[in-house]
Amino acid sequence: MANNPPNPAGQHDQAGSTQMFRAFVDESESFGAPAERSGSRAGLVIGIVVAAAAVVAAVAWVAMG
């Protein structure tokens, strides 16, 4: 595992979750895994807008009926 410095506040993480997370991130970066997903999120935004429009249309349909 990676040798990680203590958290900035200097307090010990009793559960060790911060140190384990940092070790996981350091390990994944060393294997060449990308830190962030590349590409735009246009598909996600379009999907959310379409889903919201469908909900609004369904509510309008029920209200009119």
N, C-alpha and C. Protein backbone atom coordinates (compact mmCIF):
# COMPACT_ATOMS: atom_id res chain seq x y z
N MET A 1 0.85 -1.19 0.00
CA MET A 1 0.00 0.00 0.00
C MET A 1 0.88 1.24 0.00
N ALA A 2 0.31 2.31 -0.40
CA ALA A 2 1.03 3.57 -0.49
C ALA A 2 1.22 4.17 0.89
N ASN A 3 2.31 4.89 1.04
CA ASN A 3 2.56 5.60 2.29
C ASN A 3 1.94 6.97 2.17
N ASN A 4 0.80 7.18 2.82
CA ASN A 4 0.06 8.42 2.70
C ASN A 4 0.24 9.28 3.94
N PRO A 5 0.39 10.59 3.74
CA PRO A 5 0.52 11.48 4.90
C PRO A 5 -0.80 11.60 5.64
N PRO A 6 -0.75 12.02 6.90
CA PRO A 6 -2.00 12.20 7.65
C PRO A 6 -2.83 13.32 7.03
N ASN A 7 -4.10 13.36 7.42
CA ASN A 7 -4.98 14.38 6.87
C ASN A 7 -4.49 15.77 7.26
N PRO A 8 -4.90 16.81 6.51
CA PRO A 8 -4.38 18.17 6.73
C PRO A 8 -4.59 18.70 8.15
N ALA A 9 -5.66 18.28 8.80
CA ALA A 9 -5.92 18.79 10.14
C ALA A 9 -5.01 18.14 11.17
N GLY A 10 -4.29 17.07 10.79
CA GLY A 10 -3.39 16.41 11.70
C GLY A 10 -4.09 15.45 12.65
N GLN A 11 -5.37 15.18 12.41
CA GLN A 11 -6.11 14.27 13.26
C GLN A 11 -6.03 12.86 12.69
N HIS A 12 -5.98 11.88 13.56
CA HIS A 12 -5.92 10.50 13.12
C HIS A 12 -7.32 10.02 12.74
N ASP A 13 -7.43 9.40 11.59
CA ASP A 13 -8.69 8.84 11.13
C ASP A 13 -8.86 7.48 11.79
N GLN A 14 -9.76 7.40 12.77
CA GLN A 14 -9.91 6.18 13.55
C GLN A 14 -10.29 4.99 12.70
N ALA A 15 -11.15 5.18 11.72
CA ALA A 15 -11.59 4.08 10.89
C ALA A 15 -10.58 3.74 9.80
N GLY A 16 -9.68 4.66 9.50
CA GLY A 16 -8.70 4.43 8.45
C GLY A 16 -9.26 4.59 7.05
N SER A 17 -10.48 5.10 6.94
CA SER A 17 -11.11 5.18 5.63
C SER A 17 -10.40 6.18 4.72
N THR A 18 -9.92 7.28 5.27
CA THR A 18 -9.24 8.27 4.44
C THR A 18 -7.95 7.69 3.87
N GLN A 19 -7.19 7.02 4.73
CA GLN A 19 -5.93 6.43 4.27
C GLN A 19 -6.19 5.33 3.25
N MET A 20 -7.23 4.53 3.46
CA MET A 20 -7.53 3.46 2.52
C MET A 20 -7.99 4.04 1.17
N PHE A 21 -8.77 5.12 1.21
CA PHE A 21 -9.22 5.74 -0.03
C PHE A 21 -8.03 6.30 -0.80
N ARG A 22 -7.14 6.99 -0.10
CA ARG A 22 -5.96 7.55 -0.77
C ARG A 22 -5.10 6.45 -1.37
N ALA A 23 -4.95 5.34 -0.65
CA ALA A 23 -4.17 4.23 -1.18
C ALA A 23 -4.84 3.65 -2.43
N PHE A 24 -6.16 3.55 -2.42
CA PHE A 24 -6.89 3.04 -3.58
C PHE A 24 -6.70 3.96 -4.78
N VAL A 25 -6.81 5.27 -4.57
CA VAL A 25 -6.65 6.22 -5.67
C VAL A 25 -5.22 6.18 -6.20
N ASP A 26 -4.25 6.15 -5.28
CA ASP A 26 -2.85 6.09 -5.72
C ASP A 26 -2.58 4.82 -6.51
N GLU A 27 -3.15 3.71 -6.08
CA GLU A 27 -2.93 2.45 -6.77
C GLU A 27 -3.56 2.45 -8.15
N SER A 28 -4.78 2.98 -8.28
CA SER A 28 -5.45 2.99 -9.58
C SER A 28 -4.72 3.91 -10.56
N GLU A 29 -4.15 5.00 -10.07
CA GLU A 29 -3.41 5.90 -10.96
C GLU A 29 -2.11 5.26 -11.42
N SER A 30 -1.51 4.42 -10.57
CA SER A 30 -0.25 3.80 -10.95
C SER A 30 -0.44 2.74 -12.02
N PHE A 31 -1.65 2.18 -12.13
CA PHE A 31 -1.92 1.18 -13.15
C PHE A 31 -2.40 1.81 -14.45
N GLY A 32 -2.42 3.13 -14.55
CA GLY A 32 -2.78 3.80 -15.78
C GLY A 32 -4.26 4.04 -15.94
N ALA A 33 -5.04 3.84 -14.89
CA ALA A 33 -6.47 4.11 -14.97
C ALA A 33 -6.67 5.62 -15.00
N PRO A 34 -7.57 6.10 -15.82
CA PRO A 34 -7.80 7.55 -15.87
C PRO A 34 -8.40 8.05 -14.57
N ALA A 35 -7.95 9.22 -14.14
CA ALA A 35 -8.46 9.80 -12.90
C ALA A 35 -9.88 10.31 -13.10
N GLU A 36 -10.16 10.84 -14.28
CA GLU A 36 -11.50 11.35 -14.58
C GLU A 36 -11.98 10.75 -15.89
N ARG A 37 -13.28 10.68 -16.02
CA ARG A 37 -13.85 10.18 -17.26
C ARG A 37 -13.69 11.23 -18.34
N SER A 38 -13.18 10.83 -19.46
CA SER A 38 -13.00 11.80 -20.53
C SER A 38 -14.28 11.92 -21.34
N GLY A 39 -14.43 13.02 -22.02
CA GLY A 39 -15.61 13.25 -22.85
C GLY A 39 -16.59 14.18 -22.18
N SER A 40 -17.58 14.59 -22.97
CA SER A 40 -18.56 15.52 -22.43
C SER A 40 -19.70 14.77 -21.77
N ARG A 41 -20.47 15.48 -21.03
CA ARG A 41 -21.62 14.90 -20.36
C ARG A 41 -22.91 15.32 -21.05
N ALA A 42 -22.82 15.62 -22.31
CA ALA A 42 -23.99 16.08 -23.05
C ALA A 42 -25.07 15.02 -23.07
N GLY A 43 -24.70 13.76 -23.22
CA GLY A 43 -25.68 12.68 -23.24
C GLY A 43 -26.45 12.59 -21.94
N LEU A 44 -25.75 12.76 -20.83
CA LEU A 44 -26.40 12.72 -19.53
C LEU A 44 -27.37 13.88 -19.37
N VAL A 45 -26.96 15.07 -19.77
CA VAL A 45 -27.82 16.25 -19.67
C VAL A 45 -29.05 16.09 -20.55
N ILE A 46 -28.86 15.62 -21.77
CA ILE A 46 -29.99 15.43 -22.67
C ILE A 46 -30.96 14.39 -22.10
N GLY A 47 -30.42 13.32 -21.53
CA GLY A 47 -31.26 12.30 -20.92
C GLY A 47 -32.09 12.83 -19.78
N ILE A 48 -31.49 13.66 -18.94
CA ILE A 48 -32.22 14.25 -17.81
C ILE A 48 -33.32 15.19 -18.31
N VAL A 49 -33.01 15.98 -19.33
CA VAL A 49 -34.01 16.90 -19.88
C VAL A 49 -35.17 16.13 -20.49
N VAL A 50 -34.87 15.05 -21.22
CA VAL A 50 -35.94 14.24 -21.83
C VAL A 50 -36.79 13.60 -20.74
N ALA A 51 -36.16 13.07 -19.69
CA ALA A 51 -36.91 12.46 -18.59
C ALA A 51 -37.79 13.49 -17.89
N ALA A 52 -37.27 14.69 -17.67
CA ALA A 52 -38.06 15.74 -17.03
C ALA A 52 -39.24 16.13 -17.91
N ALA A 53 -39.03 16.23 -19.21
CA ALA A 53 -40.12 16.57 -20.13
C ALA A 53 -41.19 15.47 -20.13
N ALA A 54 -40.77 14.22 -20.04
CA ALA A 54 -41.73 13.12 -19.99
C ALA A 54 -42.57 13.18 -18.71
N VAL A 55 -41.94 13.52 -17.60
CA VAL A 55 -42.68 13.64 -16.34
C VAL A 55 -43.68 14.78 -16.41
N VAL A 56 -43.26 15.91 -16.95
CA VAL A 56 -44.16 17.06 -17.09
C VAL A 56 -45.32 16.71 -18.01
N ALA A 57 -45.02 16.02 -19.12
CA ALA A 57 -46.08 15.62 -20.05
C ALA A 57 -47.07 14.65 -19.38
N ALA A 58 -46.56 13.72 -18.59
CA ALA A 58 -47.44 12.77 -17.90
C ALA A 58 -48.33 13.47 -16.88
N VAL A 59 -47.78 14.42 -16.15
CA VAL A 59 -48.57 15.17 -15.17
C VAL A 59 -49.63 15.98 -15.90
N ALA A 60 -49.28 16.62 -17.01
CA ALA A 60 -50.25 17.39 -17.78
C ALA A 60 -51.35 16.49 -18.33
N TRP A 61 -50.99 15.30 -18.80
CA TRP A 61 -51.96 14.35 -19.33
C TRP A 61 -52.98 13.95 -18.26
N VAL A 62 -52.48 13.68 -17.06
CA VAL A 62 -53.37 13.30 -15.95
C VAL A 62 -54.24 14.48 -15.54
N ALA A 63 -53.68 15.67 -15.52
CA ALA A 63 -54.43 16.85 -15.12
C ALA A 63 -55.53 17.19 -16.13
N MET A 64 -55.28 16.98 -17.39
CA MET A 64 -56.26 17.28 -18.43
C MET A 64 -57.35 16.21 -18.52
N GLY A 65 -57.02 15.01 -18.12
CA GLY A 65 -57.96 13.90 -18.25
C GLY A 65 -58.96 13.91 -17.18
